[in-house]
N, C-alpha and C. Protein backbone atom coordinates (compact mmCIF):
# COMPACT_ATOMS: atom_id res chain seq x y z
N MET A 1 93.39 120.69 71.28
CA MET A 1 92.56 121.06 72.65
C MET A 1 93.29 120.13 73.28
N ALA A 2 93.28 120.43 75.04
CA ALA A 2 93.84 119.82 75.81
C ALA A 2 92.78 118.81 75.92
N THR A 3 93.07 117.94 76.77
CA THR A 3 92.53 116.68 77.18
C THR A 3 92.54 116.62 78.89
N PRO A 4 91.34 116.41 79.63
CA PRO A 4 91.41 116.68 81.07
C PRO A 4 91.84 115.42 81.68
N ASP A 5 92.89 115.64 82.79
CA ASP A 5 93.69 114.41 83.24
C ASP A 5 92.66 113.31 83.79
N ALA A 6 92.66 112.04 82.70
CA ALA A 6 92.20 110.95 83.06
C ALA A 6 92.40 110.29 84.36
N GLY A 7 93.78 110.32 85.13
CA GLY A 7 93.76 109.84 86.00
C GLY A 7 95.16 109.03 86.17
N PRO A 8 95.96 107.89 87.06
CA PRO A 8 96.76 107.86 86.40
C PRO A 8 96.79 105.96 85.34
N ASP A 9 97.83 106.17 84.67
CA ASP A 9 97.87 105.25 83.52
C ASP A 9 97.70 103.54 84.28
N PRO A 10 96.76 103.01 83.70
CA PRO A 10 96.56 101.82 84.86
C PRO A 10 97.54 100.42 84.07
N PHE A 11 98.42 101.31 82.76
CA PHE A 11 99.59 100.16 82.29
C PHE A 11 100.54 100.32 83.73
N THR A 12 100.87 101.35 84.17
CA THR A 12 102.01 101.93 84.95
C THR A 12 101.55 101.63 86.36
N ALA A 13 99.92 102.02 86.41
CA ALA A 13 99.65 101.11 88.04
C ALA A 13 99.96 99.61 88.02
N VAL A 14 99.48 98.98 86.94
CA VAL A 14 99.57 97.45 87.32
C VAL A 14 101.56 97.39 87.16
N GLU A 15 102.22 97.78 86.45
CA GLU A 15 103.86 97.41 86.77
C GLU A 15 104.25 97.94 88.25
N SER A 16 103.41 98.87 88.43
CA SER A 16 103.93 99.36 89.98
C SER A 16 103.54 98.59 91.09
N LEU A 17 102.49 98.15 91.29
CA LEU A 17 102.23 96.95 91.81
C LEU A 17 102.96 95.94 91.92
N ARG A 18 102.77 95.30 90.23
CA ARG A 18 103.26 94.10 90.26
C ARG A 18 105.00 94.12 90.86
N ALA A 19 105.46 95.08 90.71
CA ALA A 19 106.93 95.28 91.73
C ALA A 19 106.76 95.00 92.64
N ALA A 20 105.62 96.12 93.59
CA ALA A 20 105.56 95.92 95.17
C ALA A 20 105.16 94.53 95.64
N LEU A 21 104.28 93.87 94.62
CA LEU A 21 103.75 92.70 95.18
C LEU A 21 105.34 91.72 95.25
N THR A 22 106.02 92.14 93.84
CA THR A 22 107.29 90.94 94.05
C THR A 22 108.41 91.12 94.58
N ALA A 23 108.35 92.29 95.56
CA ALA A 23 109.47 93.05 96.77
C ALA A 23 108.63 91.81 97.72
N ALA A 24 107.61 91.84 98.22
CA ALA A 24 106.83 91.16 99.35
C ALA A 24 106.70 89.77 99.01
N GLY A 25 107.15 89.06 98.21
CA GLY A 25 107.59 87.57 97.42
C GLY A 25 105.44 87.32 97.19
N ILE A 26 104.93 87.83 96.62
CA ILE A 26 103.61 87.90 96.10
C ILE A 26 103.76 88.23 94.97
N VAL A 27 102.96 87.20 94.53
CA VAL A 27 102.47 87.04 92.45
C VAL A 27 100.77 87.05 92.88
N LEU A 28 100.22 87.63 92.06
CA LEU A 28 99.09 87.91 91.58
C LEU A 28 98.95 87.52 90.32
N PRO A 29 99.19 86.22 89.91
CA PRO A 29 98.76 86.12 88.49
C PRO A 29 98.03 86.59 87.44
N SER A 30 97.05 86.97 87.81
CA SER A 30 95.86 87.58 86.89
C SER A 30 95.82 88.84 86.81
N LEU A 31 97.02 89.95 87.38
CA LEU A 31 96.89 91.05 87.79
C LEU A 31 97.47 91.64 86.45
N ALA A 32 96.64 92.58 85.54
CA ALA A 32 96.53 92.91 84.71
C ALA A 32 95.67 94.38 84.34
N VAL A 33 95.49 94.83 83.09
CA VAL A 33 94.68 95.74 83.18
C VAL A 33 93.61 95.48 82.23
N ASP A 34 92.69 95.74 82.67
CA ASP A 34 91.21 95.02 81.80
C ASP A 34 90.83 96.33 81.23
N THR A 35 91.03 95.73 79.67
CA THR A 35 90.30 96.51 78.38
C THR A 35 89.65 95.94 78.15
N ALA A 36 88.52 95.52 78.47
CA ALA A 36 87.24 95.68 78.38
C ALA A 36 86.39 96.71 78.26
N ALA A 37 86.66 97.71 79.25
CA ALA A 37 86.20 99.11 79.19
C ALA A 37 87.41 100.36 79.52
N PRO A 38 87.93 100.44 78.22
CA PRO A 38 89.34 101.06 78.28
C PRO A 38 89.44 102.50 79.25
N ALA A 39 88.08 103.15 79.19
CA ALA A 39 87.82 104.74 79.49
C ALA A 39 87.96 104.52 81.11
N LEU A 40 87.62 103.01 81.57
CA LEU A 40 87.48 103.19 83.06
C LEU A 40 88.76 103.19 83.74
N ARG A 41 89.66 102.80 82.82
CA ARG A 41 90.99 102.96 83.45
C ARG A 41 90.89 101.38 84.52
N LEU A 42 90.51 100.24 84.65
CA LEU A 42 90.84 99.61 85.28
C LEU A 42 91.85 98.55 85.37
N VAL A 43 92.15 98.47 86.86
CA VAL A 43 93.49 97.05 86.61
C VAL A 43 92.36 95.60 87.22
N GLU A 44 92.89 94.88 86.95
CA GLU A 44 92.35 93.49 87.21
C GLU A 44 93.18 92.73 88.05
N LEU A 45 92.63 92.36 89.38
CA LEU A 45 93.55 91.58 90.37
C LEU A 45 93.21 90.14 90.23
N GLY A 46 92.09 89.62 89.69
CA GLY A 46 92.14 88.32 89.72
C GLY A 46 91.81 87.49 91.21
N ARG A 47 91.96 86.33 90.88
CA ARG A 47 91.46 85.53 92.16
C ARG A 47 92.88 85.14 92.72
N VAL A 48 92.82 84.97 94.16
CA VAL A 48 94.07 83.97 94.69
C VAL A 48 93.72 83.16 95.37
N ARG A 49 94.94 82.06 95.54
CA ARG A 49 94.37 81.22 96.94
C ARG A 49 94.69 82.05 98.20
N ALA A 50 93.73 81.48 99.46
CA ALA A 50 93.92 81.68 100.70
C ALA A 50 95.25 82.02 101.27
N ASP A 51 95.84 81.56 100.73
CA ASP A 51 97.74 81.52 101.37
C ASP A 51 98.24 83.06 100.94
N VAL A 52 97.80 83.28 99.47
CA VAL A 52 98.24 84.87 98.83
C VAL A 52 97.57 85.44 99.69
N ALA A 53 96.01 85.49 99.86
CA ALA A 53 95.41 86.33 100.32
C ALA A 53 96.01 86.52 101.67
N LEU A 54 96.12 86.04 102.96
CA LEU A 54 96.73 86.09 103.91
C LEU A 54 98.07 87.21 103.44
N ARG A 55 99.27 86.57 102.88
CA ARG A 55 100.26 87.18 102.64
C ARG A 55 100.19 88.63 102.61
N LEU A 56 98.82 88.86 101.03
CA LEU A 56 98.90 89.89 100.90
C LEU A 56 97.98 91.20 102.26
N ALA A 57 97.65 90.39 103.04
CA ALA A 57 96.98 90.89 104.31
C ALA A 57 98.07 91.35 105.01
N HIS A 58 99.44 90.38 105.30
CA HIS A 58 100.25 90.90 106.23
C HIS A 58 100.88 91.63 105.96
N ALA A 59 101.54 91.94 104.46
CA ALA A 59 102.20 92.41 103.83
C ALA A 59 101.72 94.19 103.96
N LEU A 60 100.54 94.30 103.91
CA LEU A 60 99.55 95.34 103.92
C LEU A 60 99.37 96.02 105.36
N ARG A 61 99.62 94.93 106.21
CA ARG A 61 99.53 95.83 107.64
C ARG A 61 100.95 96.38 108.24
N PRO A 62 100.45 97.51 108.72
CA PRO A 62 102.09 98.43 109.34
C PRO A 62 102.35 97.26 110.38
N GLU A 63 103.81 97.42 111.03
CA GLU A 63 104.66 96.47 111.45
C GLU A 63 103.86 96.46 113.06
N GLY A 64 104.28 95.26 113.22
CA GLY A 64 103.45 95.24 114.68
C GLY A 64 102.40 95.05 115.45
N THR A 65 101.33 95.01 113.87
CA THR A 65 100.12 95.04 114.27
C THR A 65 99.23 93.76 113.98
N ALA A 66 98.27 93.21 114.42
CA ALA A 66 97.75 91.98 114.34
C ALA A 66 96.62 92.18 113.51
N ALA A 67 95.62 90.81 112.88
CA ALA A 67 94.72 91.06 112.17
C ALA A 67 93.33 91.15 113.27
């Protein structure tokens, strides 16, 4: 019997996000799959210093826009 698609694989999501962040010069040390509730397929982003949060915000903004 086929199972319904549960959505994106969290391990693939973590690796994809890690690669994109690395390309932007950003490291989230706690980035990992949350294994506490596998059925939820959660990604743990963790905590970061304020300077990292600002770099992340800058990287997510479209070019030419300000906060």
